[in-house]
């Protein structure tokens, strides 16, 4: 179980995907640059099987902004993109309408 206070410590924010590149050493990963409104971050995400690069550009997404950076196959990931998976593949979590970048998800 996660306490309410622990959940409140997770910074979920709205970001926009600015750039998408193939990971240099992983076939299923993208290296994605996101705009949080006040700064950019890099995310490594395993969504290549469900999304083309051009379909991701400009898309608003929900990210965990205060996640400790991690090296994924030698490339630093500075946040986490939220998504789900079902029989049809991966589905990125995004707002229903355009919202201000950096908005907090509650």
Protein backbone atom coordinates (compact mmCIF):
# COMPACT_ATOMS: atom_id res chain seq x y z
CA UNK A 1 0.00 0.00 0.00
CA UNK A 2 1.06 3.54 -0.74
CA UNK A 3 0.04 6.18 1.76
CA UNK A 4 -1.70 9.35 0.60
CA UNK A 5 1.38 11.34 1.61
CA UNK A 6 3.67 9.08 -0.43
CA UNK A 7 1.39 9.52 -3.44
CA UNK A 8 1.39 13.31 -2.98
CA UNK A 9 5.20 13.24 -3.19
CA UNK A 10 5.03 12.01 -6.80
CA UNK A 11 5.09 14.97 -9.20
CA UNK A 12 2.81 14.12 -12.13
CA UNK A 13 2.94 16.88 -14.75
CA UNK A 14 1.85 17.63 -18.29
CA UNK A 15 4.63 17.81 -20.87
CA UNK A 16 4.77 18.08 -24.65
CA UNK A 17 6.89 15.83 -26.83
CA UNK A 18 9.35 17.99 -28.80
CA UNK A 19 11.70 15.43 -30.34
CA UNK A 20 11.78 11.66 -30.84
CA UNK A 21 14.88 9.68 -31.80
CA UNK A 22 15.73 6.01 -32.03
CA UNK A 23 17.73 4.71 -29.08
CA UNK A 24 21.30 4.07 -30.31
CA UNK A 25 21.47 0.55 -28.86
CA UNK A 26 17.91 -0.70 -28.33
CA UNK A 27 15.41 -1.60 -31.04
CA UNK A 28 12.28 -1.08 -28.93
CA UNK A 29 13.19 2.23 -27.27
CA UNK A 30 12.86 5.88 -28.22
CA UNK A 31 14.83 8.76 -26.74
CA UNK A 32 12.28 11.54 -26.31
CA UNK A 33 12.76 15.21 -25.46
CA UNK A 34 9.85 16.70 -23.54
CA UNK A 35 8.98 20.32 -22.73
CA UNK A 36 7.66 20.91 -19.21
CA UNK A 37 7.08 24.61 -19.81
CA UNK A 38 10.04 25.81 -17.76
CA UNK A 39 12.63 23.25 -18.92
CA UNK A 40 13.24 20.29 -21.18
CA UNK A 41 13.97 16.73 -20.09
CA UNK A 42 14.96 13.51 -21.79
CA UNK A 43 12.98 10.29 -21.44
CA UNK A 44 13.82 6.80 -22.66
CA UNK A 45 10.56 4.99 -23.39
CA UNK A 46 9.72 1.52 -24.68
CA UNK A 47 6.83 2.61 -26.90
CA UNK A 48 8.32 2.08 -30.35
CA UNK A 49 6.12 -0.94 -31.10
CA UNK A 50 2.95 1.16 -30.78
CA UNK A 51 3.90 4.68 -31.93
CA UNK A 52 5.61 6.20 -34.96
CA UNK A 53 7.90 9.14 -34.29
CA UNK A 54 5.74 11.56 -36.26
CA UNK A 55 2.62 10.58 -34.28
CA UNK A 56 4.33 11.54 -31.02
CA UNK A 57 5.58 15.01 -31.96
CA UNK A 58 3.51 17.74 -30.30
CA UNK A 59 1.55 15.23 -28.19
CA UNK A 60 0.84 16.24 -24.59
CA UNK A 61 1.60 13.47 -22.10
CA UNK A 62 1.61 12.79 -18.37
CA UNK A 63 5.06 12.28 -16.84
CA UNK A 64 6.56 11.61 -13.43
CA UNK A 65 8.83 14.65 -13.16
CA UNK A 66 10.65 13.96 -9.88
CA UNK A 67 11.79 10.42 -10.62
CA UNK A 68 15.45 9.71 -9.95
CA UNK A 69 17.35 9.63 -13.29
CA UNK A 70 18.21 6.16 -14.60
CA UNK A 71 20.49 4.81 -17.32
CA UNK A 72 18.55 2.70 -19.80
CA UNK A 73 20.88 0.87 -22.17
CA UNK A 74 23.46 3.63 -21.69
CA UNK A 75 21.15 6.64 -22.17
CA UNK A 76 19.91 8.74 -19.25
CA UNK A 77 16.16 8.94 -18.65
CA UNK A 78 15.21 11.93 -16.48
CA UNK A 79 11.46 11.31 -16.07
CA UNK A 80 8.87 8.62 -16.78
CA UNK A 81 6.17 8.72 -19.42
CA UNK A 82 2.91 7.21 -18.17
CA UNK A 83 1.22 4.62 -20.38
CA UNK A 84 -0.88 1.50 -20.21
CA UNK A 85 -0.89 -1.72 -22.21
CA UNK A 86 -3.64 -4.04 -23.41
CA UNK A 87 -4.30 -6.47 -26.27
CA UNK A 88 -4.05 -3.61 -28.79
CA UNK A 89 -0.65 -2.44 -27.56
CA UNK A 90 0.71 0.51 -25.62
CA UNK A 91 -1.44 3.61 -24.99
CA UNK A 92 0.13 6.82 -23.69
CA UNK A 93 -1.76 8.69 -20.97
CA UNK A 94 -2.55 12.22 -22.12
CA UNK A 95 -4.98 15.03 -21.23
CA UNK A 96 -8.34 15.24 -22.97
CA UNK A 97 -7.56 18.77 -24.19
CA UNK A 98 -4.47 20.96 -24.53
CA UNK A 99 -3.40 22.32 -21.15
CA UNK A 100 -0.58 24.56 -19.93
CA UNK A 101 2.75 22.74 -19.94
CA UNK A 102 3.95 21.88 -16.46
CA UNK A 103 0.39 21.65 -15.11
CA UNK A 104 0.20 19.36 -12.09
CA UNK A 105 -1.89 16.21 -12.40
CA UNK A 106 -3.92 15.68 -9.22
